[in-house]
Amino acid sequence: MSNDIIIAIDLIDGKCVRLTRGDFKEKKIYNNDPLEVAFLLENNGISRLHLVDLDGARKGKVVHWKILEKIAKRTNLVIDFGGGIHTKDDVRSVFESGGHIATVGSIAVKKPIFLKELVHIYGKEKILLGVDVKDNKIATNGWTQFFDIPFFDFLEEKKNHGIKKIFCTDISKDGVLNGPSFSLYKETIQYFPSIEFIASGGIRNIEDVDKLFKLGCRGVIIGKAIYENKISLSELSNWILKKKNNNNN
C-alpha cells in the first residue's frame, strides 16, 4: 500500500451519513443510496473505500452486510469494512461478502489475544486496526466508550501482536473540517516506522492530503470534505493521476 486515497462511506439506517466529532446526535444524511455514492467514487478514479457500519459499531453486531455485498458485487473498489466485528464468523463474513480487508477496533481493546489470532489466521495485509483517540484516551463501540490506555502503549502492544496496518482518528477533529492532527500523526510515524499508518479525521482540502503524505502517512481517509465539496472528486481524480504520473517518471 502506498499513497492510498481512501473515501469513507459511513452507514446509519442504510444511508450514507457523516457525524460530527463522533456524536450520533450530530448526524447528517448525504445520500440514501450508498451504492450510488460508490459508483460515483469509482467513476472518478477512486479505488479504495472505507465502509463503516456505524449501526453495527454502536450495537456491537454488524447490521449492514447486504450493503457490503451489493457494493462489492457491483464495483471493483477495494473495500475495507468495519463496525460491529467481534467474532471469527464476522471476520469470515467480511471476506465472504466481498470485502478485501476487515477493519477492527473494539476487539483490539477488549480481546487483544483474539486480534492476534486474526492476524495469524488471515495475515497482516487483511486486518486493518482502527484506533479512535480523544484526549489521549482510546474510544470503542462507535466512540461511545473510553479507556484510559496510553495511545503509544496501545500501539506498541498491537505492533508486537503483528498488526501492520493502522488508521487513527482523532475524534475531536472528525467531521469539523478544521484540519487533521498533524502533530499526532508525525510523532506516531516517527515512533512506529514499520507500521503502515493511515490518517483519518479533519481533512479539509487537498493541501491537507499532500501534507499528510509528506509526513509519511501511507493512506488518507477522506469523508466530510468530499460530501461538503471542500474537495471535489475531479480535483481528487487529477491529484491521483498526477501522483501516478510522477511515480512512473
C-alpha atoms as a PDB file:
ATOM      1  CA  MET A   1       0.000   0.000   0.000  1.00  0.00           C
ATOM      2  CA  SER A   2       1.397   3.368  -0.965  1.00  0.00           C
ATOM      3  CA  ASN A   3      -0.220   6.797  -1.041  1.00  0.00           C
ATOM      4  CA  ASP A   4      -3.763   5.440  -0.938  1.00  0.00           C
ATOM      5  CA  ILE A   5      -6.640   7.884  -1.167  1.00  0.00           C
ATOM      6  CA  ILE A   6      -9.476   6.190   0.709  1.00  0.00           C
ATOM      7  CA  ILE A   7     -13.009   7.568   0.727  1.00  0.00           C
ATOM      8  CA  ALA A   8     -15.258   6.841   3.700  1.00  0.00           C
ATOM      9  CA  ILE A   9     -18.888   5.831   3.492  1.00  0.00           C
ATOM     10  CA  ASP A  10     -20.451   5.730   6.959  1.00  0.00           C
ATOM     11  CA  LEU A  11     -23.737   3.870   7.282  1.00  0.00           C
ATOM     12  CA  ILE A  12     -26.704   4.541   9.556  1.00  0.00           C
ATOM     13  CA  ASP A  13     -30.110   3.076   8.691  1.00  0.00           C
ATOM     14  CA  GLY A  14     -28.688   2.034   5.337  1.00  0.00           C
ATOM     15  CA  LYS A  15     -27.894   5.632   4.366  1.00  0.00           C
ATOM     16  CA  CYS A  16     -24.647   7.456   3.707  1.00  0.00           C
ATOM     17  CA  VAL A  17     -24.054   9.812   6.644  1.00  0.00           C
ATOM     18  CA  ARG A  18     -21.378  11.761   8.489  1.00  0.00           C
ATOM     19  CA  LEU A  19     -21.166  12.516  12.189  1.00  0.00           C
ATOM     20  CA  THR A  20     -19.529  15.481  13.908  1.00  0.00           C
ATOM     21  CA  ARG A  21     -16.892  14.550  16.495  1.00  0.00           C
ATOM     22  CA  GLY A  22     -18.391  11.068  16.698  1.00  0.00           C
ATOM     23  CA  ASP A  23     -21.708  12.334  18.046  1.00  0.00           C
ATOM     24  CA  PHE A  24     -24.638  10.261  16.758  1.00  0.00           C
ATOM     25  CA  LYS A  25     -26.942  13.186  17.519  1.00  0.00           C
ATOM     26  CA  GLU A  26     -24.898  15.301  15.085  1.00  0.00           C
ATOM     27  CA  LYS A  27     -25.769  13.179  12.072  1.00  0.00           C
ATOM     28  CA  LYS A  28     -26.138  14.461   8.523  1.00  0.00           C
ATOM     29  CA  ILE A  29     -27.517  12.305   5.712  1.00  0.00           C
ATOM     30  CA  TYR A  30     -25.756  12.834   2.367  1.00  0.00           C
ATOM     31  CA  ASN A  31     -27.273  10.106   0.239  1.00  0.00           C
ATOM     32  CA  ASN A  32     -29.957   7.461   0.733  1.00  0.00           C
ATOM     33  CA  ASP A  33     -28.140   5.017  -1.550  1.00  0.00           C
ATOM     34  CA  PRO A  34     -24.534   4.081  -0.653  1.00  0.00           C
ATOM     35  CA  LEU A  35     -24.192   2.135  -3.924  1.00  0.00           C
ATOM     36  CA  GLU A  36     -24.843   5.322  -5.866  1.00  0.00           C
ATOM     37  CA  VAL A  37     -22.034   7.004  -3.932  1.00  0.00           C
ATOM     38  CA  ALA A  38     -19.729   4.029  -4.592  1.00  0.00           C
ATOM     39  CA  PHE A  39     -20.428   4.260  -8.340  1.00  0.00           C
ATOM     40  CA  LEU A  40     -19.665   7.979  -8.283  1.00  0.00           C
ATOM     41  CA  LEU A  41     -16.359   7.393  -6.490  1.00  0.00           C
ATOM     42  CA  GLU A  42     -15.279   4.630  -8.855  1.00  0.00           C
ATOM     43  CA  ASN A  43     -16.209   6.688 -11.915  1.00  0.00           C
ATOM     44  CA  ASN A  44     -13.893   9.432 -10.643  1.00  0.00           C
ATOM     45  CA  GLY A  45     -10.829   7.244 -10.319  1.00  0.00           C
ATOM     46  CA  ILE A  46     -11.161   6.255  -6.660  1.00  0.00           C
ATOM     47  CA  SER A  47     -10.087   2.670  -5.991  1.00  0.00           C
ATOM     48  CA  ARG A  48     -10.279   2.383  -2.180  1.00  0.00           C
ATOM     49  CA  LEU A  49     -13.390   2.507   0.004  1.00  0.00           C
ATOM     50  CA  HIS A  50     -13.601   2.653   3.796  1.00  0.00           C
ATOM     51  CA  LEU A  51     -17.081   1.300   4.560  1.00  0.00           C
ATOM     52  CA  VAL A  52     -18.185   1.763   8.163  1.00  0.00           C
ATOM     53  CA  ASP A  53     -21.274   0.227   9.733  1.00  0.00           C
ATOM     54  CA  LEU A  54     -21.967   2.813  12.435  1.00  0.00           C
ATOM     55  CA  ASP A  55     -25.134   0.994  13.495  1.00  0.00           C
ATOM     56  CA  GLY A  56     -23.050  -2.136  13.929  1.00  0.00           C
ATOM     57  CA  ALA A  57     -20.351  -0.292  15.870  1.00  0.00           C
ATOM     58  CA  ARG A  58     -22.881   1.078  18.320  1.00  0.00           C
ATOM     59  CA  LYS A  59     -24.824  -2.184  18.715  1.00  0.00           C
ATOM     60  CA  GLY A  60     -21.786  -4.455  18.795  1.00  0.00           C
ATOM     61  CA  LYS A  61     -23.146  -6.538  15.923  1.00  0.00           C
ATOM     62  CA  VAL A  62     -22.810  -5.981  12.176  1.00  0.00           C
ATOM     63  CA  VAL A  63     -26.015  -4.651  10.613  1.00  0.00           C
ATOM     64  CA  HIS A  64     -25.198  -3.765   7.008  1.00  0.00           C
ATOM     65  CA  TRP A  65     -23.843  -6.952   5.410  1.00  0.00           C
ATOM     66  CA  LYS A  66     -26.129  -6.522   2.397  1.00  0.00           C
ATOM     67  CA  ILE A  67     -24.718  -3.108   1.556  1.00  0.00           C
ATOM     68  CA  LEU A  68     -21.186  -4.515   1.621  1.00  0.00           C
ATOM     69  CA  GLU A  69     -22.273  -7.377  -0.651  1.00  0.00           C
ATOM     70  CA  LYS A  70     -24.007  -5.028  -3.077  1.00  0.00           C
ATOM     71  CA  ILE A  71     -21.076  -2.610  -3.405  1.00  0.00           C
ATOM     72  CA  ALA A  72     -18.570  -5.465  -3.704  1.00  0.00           C
ATOM     73  CA  LYS A  73     -20.591  -7.157  -6.456  1.00  0.00           C
ATOM     74  CA  ARG A  74     -21.331  -4.026  -8.468  1.00  0.00           C
ATOM     75  CA  THR A  75     -17.957  -2.226  -8.269  1.00  0.00           C
ATOM     76  CA  ASN A  76     -14.240  -3.004  -8.416  1.00  0.00           C
ATOM     77  CA  LEU A  77     -13.458  -0.914  -5.346  1.00  0.00           C
ATOM     78  CA  VAL A  78     -11.019  -2.334  -2.797  1.00  0.00           C
ATOM     79  CA  ILE A  79     -13.185  -2.290   0.331  1.00  0.00           C
ATOM     80  CA  ASP A  80     -12.202  -2.334   3.946  1.00  0.00           C
ATOM     81  CA  PHE A  81     -15.256  -2.951   6.108  1.00  0.00           C
ATOM     82  CA  GLY A  82     -15.779  -2.492   9.822  1.00  0.00           C
ATOM     83  CA  GLY A  83     -18.263  -1.703  12.547  1.00  0.00           C
ATOM     84  CA  GLY A  84     -19.517  -4.348  14.939  1.00  0.00           C
ATOM     85  CA  ILE A  85     -16.958  -7.025  14.080  1.00  0.00           C
ATOM     86  CA  HIS A  86     -16.463  -9.145  17.194  1.00  0.00           C
ATOM     87  CA  THR A  87     -16.163 -12.816  16.181  1.00  0.00           C
ATOM     88  CA  LYS A  88     -14.278 -15.061  13.765  1.00  0.00           C
ATOM     89  CA  ASP A  89     -17.566 -15.572  11.933  1.00  0.00           C
ATOM     90  CA  ASP A  90     -17.849 -11.794  11.493  1.00  0.00           C
ATOM     91  CA  VAL A  91     -14.371 -11.571  10.003  1.00  0.00           C
ATOM     92  CA  ARG A  92     -15.007 -14.529   7.714  1.00  0.00           C
ATOM     93  CA  SER A  93     -18.261 -12.902   6.605  1.00  0.00           C
ATOM     94  CA  VAL A  94     -16.403  -9.712   5.620  1.00  0.00           C
ATOM     95  CA  PHE A  95     -14.415 -11.685   3.067  1.00  0.00           C
ATOM     96  CA  GLU A  96     -17.329 -13.893   2.009  1.00  0.00           C
ATOM     97  CA  SER A  97     -19.387 -10.733   1.403  1.00  0.00           C
ATOM     98  CA  GLY A  98     -16.733  -9.311  -0.903  1.00  0.00           C
ATOM     99  CA  GLY A  99     -14.695  -7.172   1.455  1.00  0.00           C
ATOM    100  CA  HIS A 100     -10.932  -7.175   0.951  1.00  0.00           C
ATOM    101  CA  ILE A 101      -9.846  -6.020   4.416  1.00  0.00           C
ATOM    102  CA  ALA A 102     -11.538  -6.430   7.804  1.00  0.00           C
ATOM    103  CA  THR A 103     -11.430  -3.323   9.969  1.00  0.00           C
ATOM    104  CA  VAL A 104     -11.422  -3.972  13.710  1.00  0.00           C
ATOM    105  CA  GLY A 105     -11.440  -1.572  16.617  1.00  0.00           C
ATOM    106  CA  SER A 106     -13.227  -2.511  19.820  1.00  0.00           C
ATOM    107  CA  ILE A 107     -11.879  -6.062  19.927  1.00  0.00           C
ATOM    108  CA  ALA A 108      -8.337  -4.695  19.924  1.00  0.00           C
ATOM    109  CA  VAL A 109      -9.078  -3.242  23.356  1.00  0.00           C
ATOM    110  CA  LYS A 110     -11.400  -5.893  24.738  1.00  0.00           C
ATOM    111  CA  LYS A 111      -9.980  -9.060  23.149  1.00  0.00           C
ATOM    112  CA  PRO A 112      -6.289  -8.398  22.382  1.00  0.00           C
ATOM    113  CA  ILE A 113      -5.340 -12.068  22.089  1.00  0.00           C
ATOM    114  CA  PHE A 114      -8.232 -12.651  19.714  1.00  0.00           C
ATOM    115  CA  LEU A 115      -6.921  -9.881  17.473  1.00  0.00           C
ATOM    116  CA  LYS A 116      -3.514 -11.554  17.489  1.00  0.00           C
ATOM    117  CA  GLU A 117      -5.212 -14.781  16.355  1.00  0.00           C
ATOM    118  CA  LEU A 118      -6.941 -12.974  13.482  1.00  0.00           C
ATOM    119  CA  VAL A 119      -3.616 -11.640  12.203  1.00  0.00           C
ATOM    120  CA  HIS A 120      -2.214 -15.164  12.385  1.00  0.00           C
ATOM    121  CA  ILE A 121      -5.196 -16.642  10.508  1.00  0.00           C
ATOM    122  CA  TYR A 122      -5.649 -14.043   7.775  1.00  0.00           C
ATOM    123  CA  GLY A 123      -2.285 -12.286   7.587  1.00  0.00           C
ATOM    124  CA  LYS A 124      -1.145  -8.723   8.219  1.00  0.00           C
ATOM    125  CA  GLU A 125      -2.495  -7.434   4.900  1.00  0.00           C
ATOM    126  CA  LYS A 126      -6.087  -8.457   5.630  1.00  0.00           C
ATOM    127  CA  ILE A 127      -6.585  -6.867   9.054  1.00  0.00           C
ATOM    128  CA  LEU A 128      -6.803  -3.107   9.495  1.00  0.00           C
ATOM    129  CA  LEU A 129      -6.800  -1.769  13.037  1.00  0.00           C
ATOM    130  CA  GLY A 130      -8.830   1.360  13.613  1.00  0.00           C
ATOM    131  CA  VAL A 131      -7.739   3.380  16.634  1.00  0.00           C
ATOM    132  CA  ASP A 132     -10.022   6.193  17.742  1.00  0.00           C
ATOM    133  CA  VAL A 133      -8.458   8.691  20.136  1.00  0.00           C
ATOM    134  CA  LYS A 134      -9.731  11.620  22.158  1.00  0.00           C
ATOM    135  CA  ASP A 135      -7.634  13.394  24.781  1.00  0.00           C
ATOM    136  CA  ASN A 136      -5.146  10.510  24.631  1.00  0.00           C
ATOM    137  CA  LYS A 137      -7.902   8.017  25.505  1.00  0.00           C
ATOM    138  CA  ILE A 138      -8.862   5.089  23.310  1.00  0.00           C
ATOM    139  CA  ALA A 139     -12.526   5.051  22.242  1.00  0.00           C
ATOM    140  CA  THR A 140     -14.568   1.987  21.216  1.00  0.00           C
ATOM    141  CA  ASN A 141     -18.118   0.979  20.271  1.00  0.00           C
ATOM    142  CA  GLY A 142     -18.764   3.781  17.844  1.00  0.00           C
ATOM    143  CA  TRP A 143     -16.995   6.304  20.096  1.00  0.00           C
ATOM    144  CA  THR A 144     -19.355   5.643  22.998  1.00  0.00           C
ATOM    145  CA  GLN A 145     -16.843   4.041  25.439  1.00  0.00           C
ATOM    146  CA  PHE A 146     -13.458   5.388  26.516  1.00  0.00           C
ATOM    147  CA  PHE A 147     -10.483   3.600  28.070  1.00  0.00           C
ATOM    148  CA  ASP A 148      -7.538   5.075  29.960  1.00  0.00           C
ATOM    149  CA  ILE A 149      -4.949   3.335  27.800  1.00  0.00           C
ATOM    150  CA  PRO A 150      -1.999   5.488  26.674  1.00  0.00           C
ATOM    151  CA  PHE A 151      -2.079   5.706  22.890  1.00  0.00           C
ATOM    152  CA  PHE A 152       1.559   4.780  22.257  1.00  0.00           C
ATOM    153  CA  ASP A 153       1.490   1.887  24.735  1.00  0.00           C
ATOM    154  CA  PHE A 154      -1.546   0.560  22.914  1.00  0.00           C
ATOM    155  CA  LEU A 155       0.162   0.811  19.507  1.00  0.00           C
ATOM    156  CA  GLU A 156       3.300  -0.872  20.831  1.00  0.00           C
ATOM    157  CA  GLU A 157       1.255  -3.831  22.028  1.00  0.00           C
ATOM    158  CA  LYS A 158      -0.566  -4.141  18.691  1.00  0.00           C
ATOM    159  CA  LYS A 159       2.680  -3.939  16.750  1.00  0.00           C
ATOM    160  CA  ASN A 160       4.021  -6.792  18.876  1.00  0.00           C
ATOM    161  CA  HIS A 161       0.850  -8.745  18.073  1.00  0.00           C
ATOM    162  CA  GLY A 162       1.638  -8.500  14.381  1.00  0.00           C
ATOM    163  CA  ILE A 163      -0.542  -5.587  13.322  1.00  0.00           C
ATOM    164  CA  LYS A 164       0.875  -3.829  10.265  1.00  0.00           C
ATOM    165  CA  LYS A 165      -1.922  -1.505   9.115  1.00  0.00           C
ATOM    166  CA  ILE A 166      -3.442   1.117  11.407  1.00  0.00           C
ATOM    167  CA  PHE A 167      -5.709   4.053  10.801  1.00  0.00           C
ATOM    168  CA  CYS A 168      -6.114   6.621  13.520  1.00  0.00           C
ATOM    169  CA  THR A 169      -8.940   9.086  14.018  1.00  0.00           C
ATOM    170  CA  ASP A 170      -8.626  11.990  16.421  1.00  0.00           C
ATOM    171  CA  ILE A 171     -12.307  12.237  17.351  1.00  0.00           C
ATOM    172  CA  SER A 172     -12.004  15.879  18.327  1.00  0.00           C
ATOM    173  CA  LYS A 173     -11.064  16.636  14.715  1.00  0.00           C
ATOM    174  CA  ASP A 174     -13.519  14.352  12.970  1.00  0.00           C
ATOM    175  CA  GLY A 175     -16.258  15.931  10.896  1.00  0.00           C
ATOM    176  CA  VAL A 176     -15.440  19.553  11.727  1.00  0.00           C
ATOM    177  CA  LEU A 177     -13.170  20.358   8.757  1.00  0.00           C
ATOM    178  CA  ASN A 178     -10.603  22.188  10.869  1.00  0.00           C
ATOM    179  CA  GLY A 179      -7.610  20.170   9.722  1.00  0.00           C
ATOM    180  CA  PRO A 180      -6.187  16.834  10.874  1.00  0.00           C
ATOM    181  CA  SER A 181      -3.908  16.123  13.839  1.00  0.00           C
ATOM    182  CA  PHE A 182      -0.628  16.663  12.005  1.00  0.00           C
ATOM    183  CA  SER A 183       1.493  16.636  15.160  1.00  0.00           C
ATOM    184  CA  LEU A 184      -0.076  13.408  16.437  1.00  0.00           C
ATOM    185  CA  TYR A 185       0.487  11.667  13.112  1.00  0.00           C
ATOM    186  CA  LYS A 186       4.046  12.942  12.736  1.00  0.00           C
ATOM    187  CA  GLU A 187       5.010  11.739  16.200  1.00  0.00           C
ATOM    188  CA  THR A 188       3.295   8.379  15.703  1.00  0.00           C
ATOM    189  CA  ILE A 189       5.042   7.710  12.388  1.00  0.00           C
ATOM    190  CA  GLN A 190       8.420   8.581  13.930  1.00  0.00           C
ATOM    191  CA  TYR A 191       7.841   6.140  16.814  1.00  0.00           C
ATOM    192  CA  PHE A 192       6.415   3.358  14.656  1.00  0.00           C
ATOM    193  CA  PRO A 193       8.106   3.480  11.235  1.00  0.00           C
ATOM    194  CA  SER A 194       7.259  -0.161  10.466  1.00  0.00           C
ATOM    195  CA  ILE A 195       3.508   0.439  10.689  1.00  0.00           C
ATOM    196  CA  GLU A 196       1.547   1.455   7.590  1.00  0.00           C
ATOM    197  CA  PHE A 197      -0.214   4.450   9.070  1.00  0.00           C
ATOM    198  CA  ILE A 198      -3.418   5.909   7.649  1.00  0.00           C
ATOM    199  CA  ALA A 199      -4.677   9.335   8.691  1.00  0.00           C
ATOM    200  CA  SER A 200      -8.372   9.961   9.285  1.00  0.00           C
ATOM    201  CA  GLY A 201     -10.426  12.902  10.521  1.00  0.00           C
ATOM    202  CA  GLY A 202     -10.444  16.647   9.966  1.00  0.00           C
ATOM    203  CA  ILE A 203      -9.171  16.724   6.378  1.00  0.00           C
ATOM    204  CA  ARG A 204     -10.488  19.882   4.746  1.00  0.00           C
ATOM    205  CA  ASN A 205      -8.625  20.363   1.429  1.00  0.00           C
ATOM    206  CA  ILE A 206      -6.137  18.831  -0.989  1.00  0.00           C
ATOM    207  CA  GLU A 207      -3.281  20.661   0.764  1.00  0.00           C
ATOM    208  CA  ASP A 208      -4.016  18.648   3.923  1.00  0.00           C
ATOM    209  CA  VAL A 209      -3.793  15.459   1.871  1.00  0.00           C
ATOM    210  CA  ASP A 210      -0.427  16.496   0.426  1.00  0.00           C
ATOM    211  CA  LYS A 211       0.946  17.395   3.842  1.00  0.00           C
ATOM    212  CA  LEU A 212      -0.144  14.083   5.402  1.00  0.00           C
ATOM    213  CA  PHE A 213       1.647  12.054   2.745  1.00  0.00           C
ATOM    214  CA  LYS A 214       4.759  14.206   3.165  1.00  0.00           C
ATOM    215  CA  LEU A 215       4.667  13.379   6.893  1.00  0.00           C
ATOM    216  CA  GLY A 216       4.892   9.706   5.951  1.00  0.00           C
ATOM    217  CA  CYS A 217       1.265   8.573   6.046  1.00  0.00           C
ATOM    218  CA  ARG A 218       0.643   5.590   3.777  1.00  0.00           C
ATOM    219  CA  GLY A 219      -3.000   6.428   3.268  1.00  0.00           C
ATOM    220  CA  VAL A 220      -5.536   9.171   3.899  1.00  0.00           C
ATOM    221  CA  ILE A 221      -9.212   8.587   4.628  1.00  0.00           C
ATOM    222  CA  ILE A 222     -11.399  11.435   3.395  1.00  0.00           C
ATOM    223  CA  GLY A 223     -15.046  11.814   4.343  1.00  0.00           C
ATOM    224  CA  LYS A 224     -16.848  15.033   5.031  1.00  0.00           C
ATOM    225  CA  ALA A 225     -14.564  17.133   2.827  1.00  0.00           C
ATOM    226  CA  ILE A 226     -15.866  15.189  -0.167  1.00  0.00           C
ATOM    227  CA  TYR A 227     -19.519  15.343   0.832  1.00  0.00           C
ATOM    228  CA  GLU A 228     -19.349  19.058   1.605  1.00  0.00           C
ATOM    229  CA  ASN A 229     -17.467  19.741  -1.671  1.00  0.00           C
ATOM    230  CA  LYS A 230     -14.406  21.099   0.123  1.00  0.00           C
ATOM    231  CA  ILE A 231     -12.506  18.687  -2.120  1.00  0.00           C
ATOM    232  CA  SER A 232     -14.178  17.950  -5.441  1.00  0.00           C
ATOM    233  CA  LEU A 233     -13.961  14.475  -6.935  1.00  0.00           C
ATOM    234  CA  SER A 234     -12.479  15.938 -10.125  1.00  0.00           C
ATOM    235  CA  GLU A 235      -9.781  17.694  -8.071  1.00  0.00           C
ATOM    236  CA  LEU A 236      -9.031  14.454  -6.255  1.00  0.00           C
ATOM    237  CA  SER A 237      -9.013  12.497  -9.504  1.00  0.00           C
ATOM    238  CA  ASN A 238      -6.491  14.926 -11.009  1.00  0.00           C
ATOM    239  CA  TRP A 239      -4.347  14.712  -7.871  1.00  0.00           C
ATOM    240  CA  ILE A 240      -4.296  10.893  -8.058  1.00  0.00           C
ATOM    241  CA  LEU A 241      -3.435  10.970 -11.765  1.00  0.00           C
ATOM    242  CA  LYS A 242      -0.624  13.460 -11.177  1.00  0.00           C
ATOM    243  CA  LYS A 243       0.848  11.279  -8.415  1.00  0.00           C
ATOM    244  CA  LYS A 244       0.725   8.201 -10.647  1.00  0.00           C
ATOM    245  CA  ASN A 245       2.482  10.060 -13.457  1.00  0.00           C
ATOM    246  CA  ASN A 246       5.171  11.323 -11.071  1.00  0.00           C
ATOM    247  CA  ASN A 247       5.744   7.802  -9.750  1.00  0.00           C
ATOM    248  CA  ASN A 248       6.075   6.445 -13.275  1.00  0.00           C
ATOM    249  CA  ASN A 249       8.670   9.053 -14.290  1.00  0.00           C
END
